[in-house]
Amino acid sequence: DGSRIVIADCSHRNTNVFYEIGIAHALGKEVIPITQSKDDIPFDLGHLRHLRYHNNDEGRQQLAAKLYNCLQSLVNRQKG
């Protein structure tokens, strides 16, 4: 897959998501974890900056803005 950045929703500790994060790391991709609760981020991913959101209209709009900024930052960093 040609994607350089993976957004992974860790809410509810879905094991498939954690597996996919591992694959993304092995392939050298940037990973942006998102979650509804910081408790869903396991200790071994705690070093990654994660974005928290509320699962309602306002929360999803705020998440979209945070993701946009984070993606812009990563893309600019990869260009440099």
Protein backbone atom coordinates (compact mmCIF):
# COMPACT_ATOMS: atom_id res chain seq x y z
CA ASP A 1 0.00 0.00 0.00
CA GLY A 2 1.30 3.46 -0.83
CA SER A 3 0.16 5.20 2.33
CA ARG A 4 2.88 6.72 4.50
CA ILE A 5 0.67 7.55 7.48
CA VAL A 6 -1.77 5.29 9.33
CA ILE A 7 -4.54 6.57 11.60
CA ALA A 8 -5.49 3.86 14.10
CA ASP A 9 -8.49 4.06 16.43
CA CYS A 10 -7.45 2.28 19.63
CA SER A 11 -10.82 2.81 21.32
CA HIS A 12 -12.12 -0.30 23.06
CA ARG A 13 -8.68 -2.01 22.73
CA ASN A 14 -9.45 -3.80 19.46
CA THR A 15 -6.67 -6.38 19.07
CA ASN A 16 -6.81 -6.22 15.27
CA VAL A 17 -5.99 -2.52 15.42
CA PHE A 18 -2.93 -3.22 17.57
CA TYR A 19 -1.81 -5.90 15.10
CA GLU A 20 -2.20 -3.42 12.24
CA ILE A 21 -0.20 -0.81 14.19
CA GLY A 22 2.60 -3.37 14.53
CA ILE A 23 2.58 -4.03 10.80
CA ALA A 24 2.61 -0.29 10.08
CA HIS A 25 5.63 0.16 12.34
CA ALA A 26 7.42 -2.77 10.71
CA LEU A 27 6.84 -1.15 7.31
CA GLY A 28 8.23 2.17 8.56
CA LYS A 29 4.94 4.06 8.41
CA GLU A 30 3.98 6.92 10.70
CA VAL A 31 1.13 5.97 13.05
CA ILE A 32 -1.34 8.40 14.60
CA PRO A 33 -3.26 6.63 17.37
CA ILE A 34 -6.67 8.08 18.21
CA THR A 35 -8.84 7.02 21.11
CA GLN A 36 -11.89 7.88 23.15
CA SER A 37 -10.05 7.02 26.38
CA LYS A 38 -6.36 7.26 27.26
CA ASP A 39 -6.79 3.95 29.11
CA ASP A 40 -7.18 2.21 25.73
CA ILE A 41 -3.57 3.04 24.81
CA PRO A 42 -1.35 0.17 26.01
CA PHE A 43 1.90 0.97 27.81
CA ASP A 44 4.07 -0.07 24.86
CA LEU A 45 2.38 2.54 22.64
CA GLY A 46 2.41 5.19 25.34
CA HIS A 47 5.43 6.89 23.79
CA LEU A 48 3.37 7.74 20.69
CA ARG A 49 1.41 10.97 20.73
CA HIS A 50 -2.26 10.04 20.61
CA LEU A 51 -5.32 12.16 19.96
CA ARG A 52 -8.35 11.82 22.22
CA TYR A 53 -11.85 12.51 21.04
CA HIS A 54 -15.45 12.36 22.18
CA ASN A 55 -17.73 10.28 19.99
CA ASN A 56 -20.27 13.00 19.25
CA ASP A 57 -20.60 15.62 16.51
CA GLU A 58 -18.53 18.24 18.28
CA GLY A 59 -15.87 15.73 19.33
CA ARG A 60 -15.52 14.34 15.82
CA GLN A 61 -15.24 17.86 14.38
CA GLN A 62 -12.50 18.67 16.89
CA LEU A 63 -10.75 15.40 16.03
CA ALA A 64 -10.88 16.25 12.33
CA ALA A 65 -9.16 19.58 13.02
CA LYS A 66 -6.51 17.92 15.22
CA LEU A 67 -5.89 15.25 12.59
CA TYR A 68 -5.57 17.87 9.87
CA ASN A 69 -2.90 19.71 11.87
CA CYS A 70 -1.07 16.51 12.75
CA LEU A 71 -1.10 15.30 9.14
CA GLN A 72 0.13 18.68 7.89
CA SER A 73 3.00 18.53 10.39
CA LEU A 74 3.97 15.00 9.38
CA VAL A 75 3.81 15.74 5.65
CA ASN A 76 5.92 18.89 6.09
CA ARG A 77 8.45 16.97 8.19
CA GLN A 78 8.69 14.23 5.55
CA LYS A 79 9.29 16.83 2.83
CA GLY A 80 12.13 18.45 4.78
